[in-house]
């Protein structure tokens, strides 16, 4: 079957485009071989600033080695991404070079849902229970858990807690923190304190009540009892009539002055 002139024209155009793309690819590869790295540009993919551009440059110098003055095509971008992903609050990175001689780093940071405070040191945890250190230059408005926090990892730790029981406790507390961050409880509680016996005590932003939650389990039922306290008991007794409200027992609300 004889092909129409339009088909031949389309084929010729396609071949010309492929040749042009190959030429551009070859030119770009040769260009990268000639251009040396003159610096690093850091781009944040979110609003957090748990790490700074200066810290990224320090990580590169210390753990990757010399990159300034090196040919762009000699930089091990995969190694740079892997190295930076193990730092601080960084979840993952994208590393790439541009013809202007810059090493570009795009950062994706972990999203904290709760902050654990042990005296002068503390950690954030994301929704998966992954711990990472606090940052001197940035804080996140997430629930704070202090007191007898049963986490034994050392200062500066990053990762999942090695102890299985601690991992499970952290996971449950992150679920609690996420519940506190959603309506109708968003912004209602200011703090969670862990008592020496392991009970969690929720402290509201307003009022003197202290809600004894017990362990971080059966949260839906416990929060229903807190809601019942405000809808049934407070109207009858008045605000701040009770000092502690214990909701850890099934089908019970134990109030004390």
Protein backbone atom coordinates (compact mmCIF):
# COMPACT_ATOMS: atom_id res chain seq x y z
CA UNK A 1 0.00 0.00 0.00
CA UNK A 2 1.39 3.35 -1.06
CA UNK A 3 1.94 5.81 1.78
CA UNK A 4 0.56 9.32 1.40
CA UNK A 5 2.92 12.32 1.36
CA UNK A 6 1.52 13.40 4.76
CA UNK A 7 2.78 10.22 6.41
CA UNK A 8 6.27 10.72 4.95
CA UNK A 9 6.29 14.29 6.19
CA UNK A 10 5.25 13.17 9.68
CA UNK A 11 7.94 10.50 9.74
CA UNK A 12 10.57 12.98 8.62
CA UNK A 13 9.47 15.47 11.28
CA UNK A 14 9.61 12.75 13.94
CA UNK A 15 13.12 11.74 12.93
CA UNK A 16 14.24 15.36 12.93
CA UNK A 17 12.81 15.88 16.42
CA UNK A 18 14.51 12.73 17.73
CA UNK A 19 17.82 13.88 16.24
CA UNK A 20 17.39 17.31 17.83
CA UNK A 21 16.65 15.80 21.25
CA UNK A 22 19.69 13.55 20.97
CA UNK A 23 21.81 16.55 20.03
CA UNK A 24 20.50 18.55 23.01
CA UNK A 25 21.11 15.62 25.36
CA UNK A 26 24.66 15.22 24.09
CA UNK A 27 25.28 18.96 24.34
CA UNK A 28 23.93 19.08 27.88
CA UNK A 29 26.05 16.09 28.95
CA UNK A 30 29.15 17.66 27.47
CA UNK A 31 28.24 20.98 29.04
CA UNK A 32 27.93 19.36 32.50
CA UNK A 33 31.34 17.81 31.99
CA UNK A 34 32.80 21.28 31.45
CA UNK A 35 30.94 23.18 34.22
CA UNK A 36 32.19 22.96 37.80
CA UNK A 37 30.10 23.32 40.95
CA UNK A 38 30.15 26.86 42.32
CA UNK A 39 27.76 26.47 45.26
CA UNK A 40 24.62 24.93 46.68
CA UNK A 41 21.03 26.15 46.57
CA UNK A 42 18.58 24.79 49.17
CA UNK A 43 14.85 24.74 48.51
CA UNK A 44 12.30 23.83 51.18
CA UNK A 45 9.27 21.90 49.97
CA UNK A 46 7.29 22.79 53.13
CA UNK A 47 6.98 25.57 55.69
CA UNK A 48 9.17 23.99 58.37
CA UNK A 49 12.70 25.18 59.09
CA UNK A 50 14.07 22.41 61.28
CA UNK A 51 17.32 22.60 59.32
CA UNK A 52 18.98 25.62 57.74
CA UNK A 53 20.86 26.13 54.50
CA UNK A 54 24.04 26.56 56.53
CA UNK A 55 23.49 23.15 58.18
CA UNK A 56 22.99 21.52 54.78
CA UNK A 57 26.29 22.98 53.59
CA UNK A 58 27.93 21.69 56.78
CA UNK A 59 26.52 18.19 56.25
CA UNK A 60 27.78 18.17 52.67
CA UNK A 61 31.27 19.30 53.64
CA UNK A 62 31.57 16.92 56.59
CA UNK A 63 29.86 13.77 55.30
CA UNK A 64 30.07 14.00 51.52
CA UNK A 65 33.37 15.80 51.03
CA UNK A 66 34.53 18.37 48.54
CA UNK A 67 31.92 19.36 45.99
CA UNK A 68 32.76 23.01 45.26
CA UNK A 69 35.03 23.08 42.19
CA UNK A 70 34.11 19.55 41.15
CA UNK A 71 32.65 18.85 37.71
CA UNK A 72 28.85 18.68 37.82
CA UNK A 73 28.82 15.26 36.17
CA UNK A 74 31.16 13.89 38.84
CA UNK A 75 28.82 14.65 41.76
CA UNK A 76 27.17 11.53 43.20
CA UNK A 77 23.63 12.87 43.53
CA UNK A 78 22.20 9.59 44.79
CA UNK A 79 24.78 9.45 47.58
CA UNK A 80 24.01 13.06 48.53
CA UNK A 81 20.28 12.29 48.76
CA UNK A 82 20.88 9.21 50.91
CA UNK A 83 23.30 11.03 53.19
CA UNK A 84 21.00 13.99 53.82
CA UNK A 85 17.96 11.77 54.40
CA UNK A 86 19.65 10.51 57.57
CA UNK A 87 19.94 13.98 59.08
CA UNK A 88 17.76 15.74 61.65
CA UNK A 89 14.14 16.15 60.57
CA UNK A 90 14.77 15.49 56.88
CA UNK A 91 12.40 12.91 55.42
CA UNK A 92 13.86 12.83 51.91
CA UNK A 93 15.72 15.03 49.45
CA UNK A 94 16.04 15.58 45.74
CA UNK A 95 19.49 16.57 44.49
CA UNK A 96 20.13 17.87 40.98
CA UNK A 97 22.49 20.21 39.16
CA UNK A 98 21.77 23.11 36.84
CA UNK A 99 23.87 24.63 34.02
CA UNK A 100 24.64 27.68 36.19
CA UNK A 101 26.97 25.48 38.25
CA UNK A 102 24.72 25.05 41.28
CA UNK A 103 24.04 21.89 43.25
CA UNK A 104 20.34 22.12 44.06
CA UNK A 105 18.87 20.44 47.14
CA UNK A 106 15.10 20.19 47.58
CA UNK A 107 14.18 19.22 51.16
CA UNK A 108 11.11 17.38 52.39
CA UNK A 109 10.95 17.44 56.20
CA UNK A 110 9.11 15.26 58.67
CA UNK A 111 5.75 16.52 59.93
CA UNK A 112 5.73 16.48 63.76
CA UNK A 113 2.47 15.61 65.54
CA UNK A 114 3.69 15.62 69.15
CA UNK A 115 6.60 16.85 71.24
CA UNK A 116 8.06 14.83 74.11
CA UNK A 117 9.89 16.87 76.74
CA UNK A 118 12.27 15.25 79.25
CA UNK A 119 13.67 18.00 81.40
CA UNK A 120 15.94 20.14 79.21
CA UNK A 121 15.89 17.78 76.24
CA UNK A 122 13.10 16.77 73.95
CA UNK A 123 12.03 15.12 70.73
CA UNK A 124 9.41 15.49 68.08
CA UNK A 125 7.58 12.45 66.71
CA UNK A 126 5.79 12.15 63.40
CA UNK A 127 2.59 10.18 62.82
CA UNK A 128 4.59 6.95 62.46
CA UNK A 129 6.28 7.40 65.83
CA UNK A 130 9.60 8.38 64.25
CA UNK A 131 11.59 10.49 66.74
CA UNK A 132 13.84 13.39 65.80
CA UNK A 133 15.53 16.13 67.85
CA UNK A 134 14.17 19.59 68.50
CA UNK A 135 15.58 22.47 66.48
CA UNK A 136 16.96 25.62 68.04
CA UNK A 137 15.72 27.69 65.12
CA UNK A 138 12.20 26.32 64.73
CA UNK A 139 9.37 25.08 66.90
CA UNK A 140 6.12 23.42 65.89
CA UNK A 141 2.73 24.10 67.54
CA UNK A 142 1.98 20.50 68.47
CA UNK A 143 0.82 19.01 71.80
CA UNK A 144 3.57 18.79 74.42
CA UNK A 145 3.93 15.66 76.55
CA UNK A 146 6.10 16.07 79.65
CA UNK A 147 6.56 14.52 83.08
CA UNK A 148 7.59 10.88 83.50
CA UNK A 149 7.91 10.25 79.76
CA UNK A 150 8.85 6.54 79.34
CA UNK A 151 11.29 7.03 76.48
CA UNK A 152 14.89 6.01 77.16
CA UNK A 153 16.62 7.04 73.92
CA UNK A 154 19.68 9.34 74.26
CA UNK A 155 19.72 13.06 73.49
CA UNK A 156 19.92 13.80 69.76
CA UNK A 157 18.37 10.44 68.84
CA UNK A 158 16.68 10.04 65.46
CA UNK A 159 14.63 7.03 64.46
CA UNK A 160 12.18 4.58 65.99
CA UNK A 161 12.72 3.72 69.66
CA UNK A 162 14.65 0.43 69.92
CA UNK A 163 12.43 -0.89 72.73
CA UNK A 164 9.18 -2.46 71.49
CA UNK A 165 7.11 -1.31 74.47
CA UNK A 166 8.36 2.24 74.05
CA UNK A 167 7.55 2.16 70.32
CA UNK A 168 3.99 1.04 71.05
CA UNK A 169 3.53 3.72 73.72
CA UNK A 170 4.85 6.40 71.37
CA UNK A 171 2.56 5.18 68.58
CA UNK A 172 -0.48 5.39 70.86
CA UNK A 173 0.46 8.86 72.07
CA UNK A 174 0.82 10.09 68.49
CA UNK A 175 -2.77 8.89 67.91
CA UNK A 176 -3.80 10.87 71.01
CA UNK A 177 -1.98 13.96 69.75
CA UNK A 178 -3.69 13.73 66.37
CA UNK A 179 -7.07 13.41 68.08
CA UNK A 180 -6.29 16.52 70.15
CA UNK A 181 -5.43 18.39 66.95
CA UNK A 182 -8.80 17.71 65.30
CA UNK A 183 -12.20 19.30 65.91
CA UNK A 184 -13.88 19.58 68.34
CA UNK A 185 -10.73 19.35 70.51
CA UNK A 186 -8.36 21.39 68.38
CA UNK A 187 -6.63 23.92 70.63
CA UNK A 188 -8.64 22.82 73.68
CA UNK A 189 -5.81 21.15 75.61
CA UNK A 190 -2.48 22.85 76.14
CA UNK A 191 -0.43 20.01 77.58
CA UNK A 192 -0.25 16.35 78.54
CA UNK A 193 1.64 15.30 81.67
CA UNK A 194 2.73 11.72 82.37
CA UNK A 195 2.40 10.85 86.05
CA UNK A 196 4.91 8.48 87.75
CA UNK A 197 2.28 5.72 87.69
CA UNK A 198 1.93 6.11 83.91
CA UNK A 199 -1.38 7.96 83.88
CA UNK A 200 -1.72 10.68 81.27
CA UNK A 201 -3.23 13.93 82.54
CA UNK A 202 -4.75 16.34 80.01
CA UNK A 203 -4.56 20.02 80.92
CA UNK A 204 -7.02 22.36 79.17
CA UNK A 205 -6.09 25.89 78.16
CA UNK A 206 -8.90 27.28 80.30
CA UNK A 207 -10.24 26.12 83.64
CA UNK A 208 -8.67 24.32 86.58
CA UNK A 209 -9.83 20.81 85.68
CA UNK A 210 -7.22 18.16 85.14
CA UNK A 211 -8.46 15.17 83.14
CA UNK A 212 -6.95 11.82 84.16
CA UNK A 213 -6.90 9.77 80.98
CA UNK A 214 -5.01 6.72 82.21
CA UNK A 215 -3.06 5.03 79.43
CA UNK A 216 -3.20 6.11 75.76
CA UNK A 217 -5.86 3.53 74.89
CA UNK A 218 -9.66 3.45 74.34
CA UNK A 219 -9.40 7.11 73.42
CA UNK A 220 -12.79 7.48 71.74
CA UNK A 221 -14.64 6.29 74.86
CA UNK A 222 -12.52 8.46 77.17
CA UNK A 223 -13.05 11.58 75.09
CA UNK A 224 -16.79 10.89 75.05
CA UNK A 225 -16.69 10.95 78.86
CA UNK A 226 -14.81 14.27 78.77
CA UNK A 227 -17.52 15.61 76.45
CA UNK A 228 -20.18 14.32 78.84
CA UNK A 229 -18.49 16.12 81.71
CA UNK A 230 -18.86 19.44 79.91
CA UNK A 231 -22.40 18.82 78.67
CA UNK A 232 -23.94 17.25 81.80
CA UNK A 233 -21.82 17.90 84.90
CA UNK A 234 -20.54 21.44 84.34
CA UNK A 235 -24.05 22.87 83.75
CA UNK A 236 -25.18 21.30 87.04
CA UNK A 237 -22.15 22.08 89.22
CA UNK A 238 -20.59 25.05 87.50
CA UNK A 239 -17.22 25.64 85.88
CA UNK A 240 -14.09 24.87 87.97
CA UNK A 241 -16.18 23.19 90.69
CA UNK A 242 -14.00 20.07 90.40
CA UNK A 243 -10.23 19.92 90.34
CA UNK A 244 -9.71 16.46 88.79
CA UNK A 245 -11.91 14.50 86.43
CA UNK A 246 -10.98 10.84 86.08
CA UNK A 247 -12.25 9.28 82.83
CA UNK A 248 -10.03 6.21 82.65
CA UNK A 249 -12.65 3.77 84.00
CA UNK A 250 -15.34 2.24 81.77
CA UNK A 251 -18.71 3.99 82.02
CA UNK A 252 -17.52 6.17 84.92
CA UNK A 253 -16.59 9.80 85.45
CA UNK A 254 -14.96 10.29 88.84
CA UNK A 255 -14.82 13.96 89.87
CA UNK A 256 -12.91 15.34 92.84
CA UNK A 257 -12.72 18.84 94.30
